[in-house]
Amino acid sequence: MDKIDLKIVKCLQEDAMMPVAEVADRAGISPSPCWRRIQKLIADGVIRSRVALLDPAKINVPVNVFVSIRTNQHSLEWASKFCRAAAQIPEVVEFYRMSGRVDYLLRVVVPNIAAYDDVYRRLIKAADLYDVTSSFAMETIKYTTALPLHYADEAD
C-alpha cells in the first residue's frame, strides 16, 4: 500500500459510504483510478467489508458487558463446541481467545442486566466453564472501528 491507498482507506474508515469523488479528492487523484484502487483493496482483502455502524442506544442495546471466561478444559473438542455456541449468540459482538489468566474474552451488548442474565445462561448451557466474570462498562471513553494506519508501511 502506498500513501494514496492509505489516504483512501483513511477516508473509508471514517465513512464507508463516502462518494468515490470525495475519496478521490481527498486522496489527490481522479475518481476512476480511485475506484480501481478501492476495488484492488477489496480484492486484496485489505478492505474486508463495508458496514453501517449503528447507535446502540437507538436500537436498545446500550449496555456493554465484558465477559472473562476461564476453563479447566483445553481439548480441541471442548473449544470447538464452546466457540461455535458462543459465536452463535447474537449479543456477543466480539469474541477472543486470550493468553494469560483468562481463556476467552467476550464483549456482549444488551439492553439491561436481565438480558445479560439470559446471555449468561446460554453461555453456561453451551459448555462446562470454570469461571465467568462479567464487568459492566459504566461509560464509553473511546470507541472506534478505525485501525491505526501509521504501521501499514511497515507491513511489507
Protein backbone atom coordinates (compact mmCIF):
# COMPACT_ATOMS: atom_id res chain seq x y z
CA MET A 1 0.00 0.00 0.00
CA ASP A 2 1.28 3.42 -0.92
CA LYS A 3 0.41 6.82 0.51
CA ILE A 4 -2.59 7.19 -1.82
CA ASP A 5 -4.02 3.84 -0.70
CA LEU A 6 -3.56 4.93 2.93
CA LYS A 7 -5.49 8.15 2.23
CA ILE A 8 -8.25 6.10 0.60
CA VAL A 9 -8.60 3.64 3.48
CA LYS A 10 -8.48 6.50 5.98
CA CYS A 11 -11.48 8.07 4.23
CA LEU A 12 -13.37 4.79 4.04
CA GLN A 13 -12.71 4.01 7.71
CA GLU A 14 -14.30 7.37 8.55
CA ASP A 15 -17.30 6.78 6.28
CA ALA A 16 -17.60 3.74 4.02
CA MET A 17 -20.46 5.47 2.18
CA MET A 18 -18.30 8.45 1.23
CA PRO A 19 -18.75 9.10 -2.51
CA VAL A 20 -15.80 7.97 -4.62
CA ALA A 21 -15.44 11.52 -5.95
CA GLU A 22 -14.87 12.83 -2.42
CA VAL A 23 -12.46 10.00 -1.55
CA ALA A 24 -10.57 10.71 -4.78
CA ASP A 25 -10.41 14.42 -4.00
CA ARG A 26 -9.05 13.76 -0.51
CA ALA A 27 -6.54 11.25 -1.90
CA GLY A 28 -5.44 13.70 -4.61
CA ILE A 29 -6.40 11.55 -7.59
CA SER A 30 -9.28 11.39 -10.06
CA PRO A 31 -12.36 9.23 -9.40
CA SER A 32 -11.67 6.43 -11.93
CA PRO A 33 -8.23 5.47 -10.58
CA CYS A 34 -9.60 5.87 -7.06
CA TRP A 35 -12.42 3.43 -7.81
CA ARG A 36 -9.91 0.95 -9.29
CA ARG A 37 -7.71 1.26 -6.18
CA ILE A 38 -10.71 0.63 -3.93
CA GLN A 39 -11.58 -2.48 -5.95
CA LYS A 40 -7.98 -3.71 -5.64
CA LEU A 41 -8.00 -3.06 -1.87
CA ILE A 42 -11.17 -5.17 -1.68
CA ALA A 43 -9.70 -7.93 -3.88
CA ASP A 44 -6.51 -7.97 -1.80
CA GLY A 45 -8.52 -8.33 1.41
CA VAL A 46 -7.36 -5.01 2.88
CA ILE A 47 -10.99 -3.88 2.88
CA ARG A 48 -12.87 -6.87 4.32
CA SER A 49 -16.35 -5.38 4.22
CA ARG A 50 -18.32 -2.18 4.34
CA VAL A 51 -20.79 -1.85 7.19
CA ALA A 52 -23.16 0.59 8.82
CA LEU A 53 -22.31 1.44 12.42
CA LEU A 54 -25.48 1.78 14.45
CA ASP A 55 -26.10 3.80 17.59
CA PRO A 56 -26.52 1.13 20.31
CA ALA A 57 -28.86 3.28 22.40
CA LYS A 58 -31.20 3.83 19.44
CA ILE A 59 -31.58 0.09 18.91
CA ASN A 60 -31.89 -0.61 22.66
CA VAL A 61 -28.54 -2.29 23.34
CA PRO A 62 -26.71 0.45 25.28
CA VAL A 63 -25.09 -1.84 27.88
CA ASN A 64 -21.61 -3.23 27.17
CA VAL A 65 -20.60 -6.27 29.20
CA PHE A 66 -17.06 -7.61 29.09
CA VAL A 67 -17.14 -11.30 29.95
CA SER A 68 -13.94 -13.07 31.01
CA ILE A 69 -14.14 -16.83 30.79
CA ARG A 70 -11.77 -19.37 32.26
CA THR A 71 -11.98 -23.07 31.61
CA ASN A 72 -10.21 -26.08 33.03
CA GLN A 73 -10.80 -27.99 29.81
CA HIS A 74 -8.43 -27.43 26.93
CA SER A 75 -9.34 -30.11 24.42
CA LEU A 76 -9.98 -29.21 20.80
CA GLU A 77 -13.41 -30.83 21.05
CA TRP A 78 -14.41 -28.65 24.03
CA ALA A 79 -13.02 -25.49 22.44
CA SER A 80 -14.74 -26.16 19.15
CA LYS A 81 -18.10 -26.79 20.86
CA PHE A 82 -17.82 -23.70 23.07
CA CYS A 83 -16.59 -21.38 20.32
CA ARG A 84 -19.34 -22.49 17.94
CA ALA A 85 -22.02 -21.98 20.57
CA ALA A 86 -20.76 -18.60 21.82
CA ALA A 87 -20.30 -17.28 18.27
CA GLN A 88 -23.97 -18.07 17.57
CA ILE A 89 -25.22 -15.77 20.34
CA PRO A 90 -26.19 -12.51 18.59
CA GLU A 91 -25.46 -10.37 21.66
CA VAL A 92 -21.81 -11.49 21.55
CA VAL A 93 -20.32 -8.87 19.23
CA GLU A 94 -16.64 -9.56 19.92
CA PHE A 95 -15.05 -12.86 20.92
CA TYR A 96 -11.35 -13.50 21.55
CA ARG A 97 -9.18 -16.41 22.71
CA MET A 98 -6.68 -14.91 25.12
CA SER A 99 -3.29 -15.59 26.64
CA GLY A 100 -2.75 -15.26 30.38
CA ARG A 101 -5.23 -15.95 33.18
CA VAL A 102 -8.35 -15.53 31.05
CA ASP A 103 -9.03 -18.04 28.29
CA TYR A 104 -11.74 -16.12 26.41
CA LEU A 105 -12.92 -12.53 26.41
CA LEU A 106 -16.30 -11.54 25.03
CA ARG A 107 -17.99 -8.20 24.52
CA VAL A 108 -21.72 -8.53 24.86
CA VAL A 109 -24.29 -5.82 24.11
CA VAL A 110 -27.68 -5.91 25.80
CA PRO A 111 -30.47 -3.56 26.90
CA ASN A 112 -30.15 -4.37 30.62
CA ILE A 113 -28.89 -6.75 33.30
CA ALA A 114 -31.83 -9.14 32.87
CA ALA A 115 -30.99 -9.53 29.18
CA TYR A 116 -27.36 -10.20 30.10
CA ASP A 117 -28.51 -12.89 32.55
CA ASP A 118 -30.22 -14.62 29.62
CA VAL A 119 -26.95 -14.48 27.63
CA TYR A 120 -25.05 -15.80 30.66
CA ARG A 121 -27.44 -18.75 30.92
CA ARG A 122 -26.92 -19.56 27.22
CA LEU A 123 -23.14 -19.44 27.72
CA ILE A 124 -23.10 -21.79 30.70
CA LYS A 125 -25.51 -24.14 28.90
CA ALA A 126 -23.15 -24.29 25.91
CA ALA A 127 -20.18 -25.75 27.75
CA ASP A 128 -18.74 -26.50 31.16
CA LEU A 129 -16.98 -23.31 32.33
CA TYR A 130 -14.64 -22.97 35.30
CA ASP A 131 -15.11 -19.24 35.92
CA VAL A 132 -17.19 -16.49 34.33
CA THR A 133 -16.57 -12.88 35.36
CA SER A 134 -18.73 -10.10 33.97
CA SER A 135 -17.81 -6.42 34.03
CA PHE A 136 -20.34 -3.79 33.01
CA ALA A 137 -18.97 -0.72 31.26
CA MET A 138 -20.02 2.40 33.13
CA GLU A 139 -19.01 4.82 30.37
CA THR A 140 -17.58 4.59 26.87
CA ILE A 141 -14.49 6.79 26.81
CA LYS A 142 -13.33 5.88 23.32
CA TYR A 143 -14.86 3.68 20.68
CA THR A 144 -13.67 3.39 17.13
CA THR A 145 -13.58 0.78 14.43
CA ALA A 146 -10.80 2.66 12.61
CA LEU A 147 -7.45 0.88 12.71
CA PRO A 148 -4.24 2.90 13.13
CA LEU A 149 -2.71 3.30 9.68
CA HIS A 150 0.76 4.55 10.59
CA TYR A 151 2.01 0.94 10.85
CA ALA A 152 0.79 -0.05 7.38
CA ASP A 153 4.00 0.91 5.58
CA GLU A 154 5.93 -1.41 7.95
CA ALA A 155 3.80 -4.42 6.98
CA ASP A 156 5.91 -5.44 3.99
